[in-house]
Amino acid sequence: MGRLSGKVAIITGGGQGVGQGITQVFAREGAKVLITGRTPDKLEAAVTELKAAGGDAAWIAGTAGVRADAEAAVAKAVELFGGLDILVNNAQTSRPGAMFEDTDDDLFALTINSGLYGTFQHMQAALPAMKKRGGGSIINFGSYEGIHGGVGFAAYAATKEAIRGLSRTAARELGKYKVRVNVICPAALSPIAQQWVKDFPEEAEKVMKLVALGYLGDCAEDIGPAALFLASDDSRYVTGQTINVDGGQMML
């Protein structure tokens, strides 16, 4: 049996990148998975691939930062799979490379709404279903760029640090329901990261020199197992923590 057999998971932004990598690992470990995102074609292709590999998966279109979409995702997971045990708040819209002086209100709002509001709304939507199951695991996403203050990441860094603060408070308040809340700060070669490396090669080279293991992680093989640990009962006594899954980029 897989480590997530009998568990139901929602993964936002599950049609590509880190979200898709985590989805693949969760499905392989026996979870029933609902993925969300803004692009139906990507979601459908990801689910088709999961089913071909023997996974139990479905998708629903939705935009992080729209409360009705968060509530619809939870309702669909409960309808299709009977409940909800795991929530992975991976979805995030960002435009890296905008310097602080050039970050306007529209970019700041876009980043905050998709990341912070999306995370907050999905957590609130998921809580009643998790309470009915007697507990659950919520996995949110921070960033190295937030912790150390990345150049060209003003809106993104602010969003990711706000998510970490939200996660710590939620971990304290939701512990009585056996709902755990943790944060992953990944360094992964996602589509957004690939584009950033292409657009800002000099800055990317500086970042790579800080990665002790010398490479940006694979979304499934490097980031997925860390999410699996936090989603499974192996981490039943872990909550309120930030785990840097970044090849030694950030050492605390």
Protein backbone atom coordinates (compact mmCIF):
# COMPACT_ATOMS: atom_id res chain seq x y z
CA MET A 1 0.00 0.00 0.00
CA GLY A 2 1.12 3.54 -0.70
CA ARG A 3 1.85 6.05 2.03
CA LEU A 4 -1.23 8.08 1.04
CA SER A 5 -3.67 5.24 0.45
CA GLY A 6 -7.18 6.32 1.40
CA LYS A 7 -6.24 10.01 1.42
CA VAL A 8 -7.81 12.74 -0.71
CA ALA A 9 -5.73 15.71 -1.83
CA ILE A 10 -6.32 19.02 -3.58
CA ILE A 11 -3.30 20.54 -5.33
CA THR A 12 -3.66 24.05 -6.71
CA GLY A 13 -1.67 24.82 -9.81
CA GLY A 14 -1.39 21.08 -10.40
CA GLY A 15 -1.22 21.20 -14.18
CA GLN A 16 2.47 22.06 -14.46
CA GLY A 17 5.72 22.57 -12.61
CA VAL A 18 6.00 21.88 -8.89
CA GLY A 19 2.26 21.25 -8.55
CA GLN A 20 2.30 18.63 -11.26
CA GLY A 21 5.39 16.98 -9.78
CA ILE A 22 3.73 16.71 -6.37
CA THR A 23 0.55 15.42 -7.96
CA GLN A 24 2.48 12.62 -9.66
CA VAL A 25 4.10 11.56 -6.39
CA PHE A 26 0.83 11.70 -4.43
CA ALA A 27 -1.05 9.65 -7.03
CA ARG A 28 1.75 7.09 -7.12
CA GLU A 29 1.47 6.77 -3.34
CA GLY A 30 -2.24 6.04 -3.50
CA ALA A 31 -3.92 9.42 -2.96
CA LYS A 32 -7.04 10.45 -4.82
CA VAL A 33 -6.09 13.80 -6.28
CA LEU A 34 -8.03 16.82 -7.51
CA ILE A 35 -5.92 19.41 -9.31
CA THR A 36 -6.91 23.00 -10.02
CA GLY A 37 -5.61 25.72 -12.28
CA ARG A 38 -6.53 28.37 -14.81
CA THR A 39 -5.78 26.37 -17.99
CA PRO A 40 -8.17 23.47 -18.66
CA ASP A 41 -5.99 21.97 -21.39
CA LYS A 42 -3.02 21.61 -19.03
CA LEU A 43 -5.19 20.18 -16.28
CA GLU A 44 -6.85 17.66 -18.57
CA ALA A 45 -3.50 16.54 -19.98
CA ALA A 46 -2.05 16.12 -16.48
CA VAL A 47 -5.04 14.06 -15.32
CA THR A 48 -4.92 11.90 -18.45
CA GLU A 49 -1.26 11.16 -17.72
CA LEU A 50 -2.02 10.31 -14.10
CA LYS A 51 -4.84 7.96 -15.03
CA ALA A 52 -2.67 6.24 -17.64
CA ALA A 53 -0.20 5.51 -14.83
CA GLY A 54 -2.98 4.05 -12.67
CA GLY A 55 -3.74 7.11 -10.56
CA ASP A 56 -7.14 8.26 -9.39
CA ALA A 57 -7.41 11.92 -10.36
CA ALA A 58 -9.74 14.67 -11.53
CA TRP A 59 -9.51 18.36 -12.30
CA ILE A 60 -11.48 21.55 -11.92
CA ALA A 61 -10.69 24.92 -13.44
CA GLY A 62 -10.22 27.73 -10.95
CA THR A 63 -8.26 30.87 -10.21
CA ALA A 64 -6.30 31.23 -6.98
CA GLY A 65 -7.59 34.32 -5.23
CA VAL A 66 -11.23 33.75 -6.13
CA ARG A 67 -13.02 32.42 -3.05
CA ALA A 68 -15.86 30.83 -5.03
CA ASP A 69 -13.32 28.77 -6.97
CA ALA A 70 -11.66 27.57 -3.77
CA GLU A 71 -15.03 26.53 -2.36
CA ALA A 72 -15.94 24.79 -5.63
CA ALA A 73 -12.72 22.79 -5.57
CA VAL A 74 -13.34 21.54 -2.04
CA ALA A 75 -16.95 20.70 -2.88
CA LYS A 76 -15.86 18.71 -5.92
CA ALA A 77 -13.22 16.77 -3.99
CA VAL A 78 -15.79 15.84 -1.36
CA GLU A 79 -18.34 14.91 -4.02
CA LEU A 80 -15.97 12.76 -6.07
CA PHE A 81 -13.81 11.23 -3.37
CA GLY A 82 -15.80 11.49 -0.15
CA GLY A 83 -13.72 13.97 1.84
CA LEU A 84 -10.48 15.91 2.04
CA ASP A 85 -7.27 15.16 3.92
CA ILE A 86 -4.53 17.15 2.17
CA LEU A 87 -4.35 20.62 0.67
CA VAL A 88 -1.31 21.81 -1.29
CA ASN A 89 -1.41 25.55 -2.00
CA ASN A 90 1.02 25.71 -4.88
CA ALA A 91 -0.68 28.14 -7.29
CA GLN A 92 1.09 31.47 -7.66
CA THR A 93 1.14 34.07 -10.41
CA SER A 94 4.29 36.19 -10.50
CA ARG A 95 6.48 38.23 -12.82
CA PRO A 96 10.02 37.99 -11.48
CA GLY A 97 12.51 40.61 -12.52
CA ALA A 98 10.50 43.72 -11.67
CA MET A 99 12.62 45.95 -9.46
CA PHE A 100 11.04 47.54 -6.39
CA GLU A 101 10.93 50.98 -8.01
CA ASP A 102 9.16 49.54 -11.07
CA THR A 103 6.60 47.40 -9.20
CA ASP A 104 3.20 48.99 -9.71
CA ASP A 105 -0.05 48.38 -7.86
CA ASP A 106 -1.38 46.03 -10.53
CA LEU A 107 1.62 43.68 -10.32
CA PHE A 108 1.61 43.81 -6.53
CA ALA A 109 -2.11 43.02 -6.37
CA LEU A 110 -1.82 40.20 -8.93
CA THR A 111 0.95 38.53 -6.94
CA ILE A 112 -0.68 38.98 -3.55
CA ASN A 113 -4.13 37.88 -4.73
CA SER A 114 -2.97 34.66 -6.39
CA GLY A 115 -0.53 33.70 -3.65
CA LEU A 116 -1.63 35.04 -0.28
CA TYR A 117 -5.37 35.35 -0.86
CA GLY A 118 -5.47 32.09 -2.81
CA THR A 119 -3.72 30.27 0.02
CA PHE A 120 -5.90 31.86 2.70
CA GLN A 121 -9.17 31.16 0.87
CA HIS A 122 -8.34 27.54 0.08
CA MET A 123 -7.32 26.94 3.69
CA GLN A 124 -10.61 28.33 4.97
CA ALA A 125 -12.60 26.38 2.39
CA ALA A 126 -10.80 23.13 3.22
CA LEU A 127 -11.05 23.35 7.02
CA PRO A 128 -14.64 22.08 7.51
CA ALA A 129 -13.94 19.00 5.37
CA MET A 130 -10.70 18.29 7.24
CA LYS A 131 -12.42 18.65 10.60
CA LYS A 132 -14.93 16.02 9.52
CA ARG A 133 -12.03 13.66 8.74
CA GLY A 134 -10.51 14.25 12.17
CA GLY A 135 -7.52 16.18 10.86
CA GLY A 136 -5.46 16.91 7.81
CA SER A 137 -2.31 18.37 6.33
CA ILE A 138 -1.98 21.76 4.65
CA ILE A 139 1.19 22.46 2.69
CA ASN A 140 1.88 26.04 1.67
CA PHE A 141 4.75 27.53 -0.29
CA GLY A 142 7.29 30.12 0.71
CA SER A 143 10.48 31.05 -1.09
CA TYR A 144 14.17 31.68 -0.65
CA GLU A 145 13.53 35.00 -2.37
CA GLY A 146 11.26 35.99 0.50
CA ILE A 147 13.58 34.87 3.28
CA HIS A 148 16.72 36.56 2.01
CA GLY A 149 15.16 39.34 -0.11
CA GLY A 150 15.69 38.54 -3.76
CA VAL A 151 16.54 41.34 -6.17
CA GLY A 152 13.64 41.81 -8.59
CA PHE A 153 11.19 39.94 -6.40
CA ALA A 154 9.51 42.67 -4.32
CA ALA A 155 5.89 41.56 -4.78
CA TYR A 156 6.78 37.86 -4.77
CA ALA A 157 8.96 38.08 -1.66
CA ALA A 158 6.28 40.01 0.22
CA THR A 159 3.67 37.44 -0.76
CA LYS A 160 5.74 34.43 0.23
CA GLU A 161 6.72 35.85 3.61
CA ALA A 162 3.07 36.70 4.29
CA ILE A 163 2.17 33.10 3.52
CA ARG A 164 4.75 31.90 6.04
CA GLY A 165 3.30 34.17 8.71
CA LEU A 166 -0.22 33.01 7.93
CA SER A 167 0.91 29.39 8.09
CA ARG A 168 2.48 29.74 11.54
CA THR A 169 -0.64 31.32 13.00
CA ALA A 170 -2.89 28.72 11.36
CA ALA A 171 -0.68 25.91 12.69
CA ARG A 172 -1.18 27.17 16.25
CA GLU A 173 -4.92 27.71 15.89
CA LEU A 174 -5.76 24.54 13.94
CA GLY A 175 -3.67 22.12 15.97
CA LYS A 176 -6.68 21.42 18.19
CA TYR A 177 -8.38 19.93 15.11
CA LYS A 178 -5.30 17.81 14.27
CA VAL A 179 -4.82 19.91 11.15
CA ARG A 180 -1.13 20.48 10.47
CA VAL A 181 0.17 23.45 8.48
CA ASN A 182 3.70 23.55 7.08
CA VAL A 183 5.64 25.44 4.42
CA ILE A 184 8.03 24.29 1.71
CA CYS A 185 10.53 26.71 0.19
CA PRO A 186 11.64 24.94 -2.99
CA ALA A 187 14.33 25.53 -5.56
CA ALA A 188 12.91 23.78 -8.60
CA LEU A 189 13.32 24.01 -12.34
CA SER A 190 9.66 24.81 -12.94
CA PRO A 191 8.46 26.53 -16.14
CA ILE A 192 8.55 29.91 -14.37
CA ALA A 193 12.09 29.24 -13.14
CA GLN A 194 13.19 28.15 -16.61
CA GLN A 195 11.89 31.40 -18.07
CA TRP A 196 13.57 33.43 -15.33
CA VAL A 197 16.91 31.72 -16.00
CA LYS A 198 16.50 32.53 -19.70
CA ASP A 199 15.50 36.17 -19.12
CA PHE A 200 18.00 36.98 -16.35
CA PRO A 201 21.04 34.73 -16.89
CA GLU A 202 23.45 36.81 -14.81
CA GLU A 203 21.18 36.85 -11.75
CA ALA A 204 20.45 33.13 -12.25
CA GLU A 205 24.17 32.37 -12.29
CA LYS A 206 24.59 34.16 -8.95
CA VAL A 207 21.74 32.14 -7.45
CA MET A 208 23.13 28.85 -8.75
CA LYS A 209 26.43 29.52 -7.00
CA LEU A 210 24.52 29.50 -3.70
CA VAL A 211 23.05 26.03 -4.25
CA ALA A 212 25.35 23.62 -2.42
CA LEU A 213 24.27 20.59 -4.45
CA GLY A 214 24.80 22.49 -7.68
CA TYR A 215 21.45 22.18 -9.46
CA LEU A 216 17.82 23.27 -9.34
CA GLY A 217 15.60 20.43 -8.21
CA ASP A 218 13.30 18.26 -10.27
CA CYS A 219 9.66 19.04 -9.50
CA ALA A 220 8.69 15.40 -8.96
CA GLU A 221 11.86 13.66 -7.85
CA ASP A 222 13.23 16.36 -5.54
CA ILE A 223 10.27 18.47 -4.36
CA GLY A 224 7.59 15.76 -4.48
CA PRO A 225 9.09 13.54 -1.75
CA ALA A 226 9.28 16.46 0.70
CA ALA A 227 5.62 17.21 0.11
CA LEU A 228 4.87 13.50 0.51
CA PHE A 229 6.53 13.53 3.94
CA LEU A 230 4.44 16.50 5.07
CA ALA A 231 1.24 15.00 3.65
CA SER A 232 1.71 11.57 5.18
CA ASP A 233 1.46 10.32 8.74
CA ASP A 234 5.27 10.26 8.84
CA SER A 235 5.05 13.94 9.79
CA ARG A 236 2.17 13.58 12.25
CA TYR A 237 4.14 15.56 14.87
CA VAL A 238 5.36 18.30 12.53
CA THR A 239 3.47 21.58 12.20
CA GLY A 240 4.25 25.26 11.82
CA GLN A 241 7.57 24.53 10.14
CA THR A 242 9.33 25.86 7.06
CA ILE A 243 11.34 23.24 5.19
CA ASN A 244 13.86 24.48 2.65
CA VAL A 245 13.97 21.95 -0.19
CA ASP A 246 16.55 23.80 -2.21
CA GLY A 247 19.77 21.82 -2.46
CA GLY A 248 21.38 23.84 0.31
CA GLN A 249 20.60 27.30 -1.04
CA MET A 250 19.29 28.48 2.33
CA MET A 251 20.73 27.02 5.51
CA LEU A 252 19.07 28.02 8.78
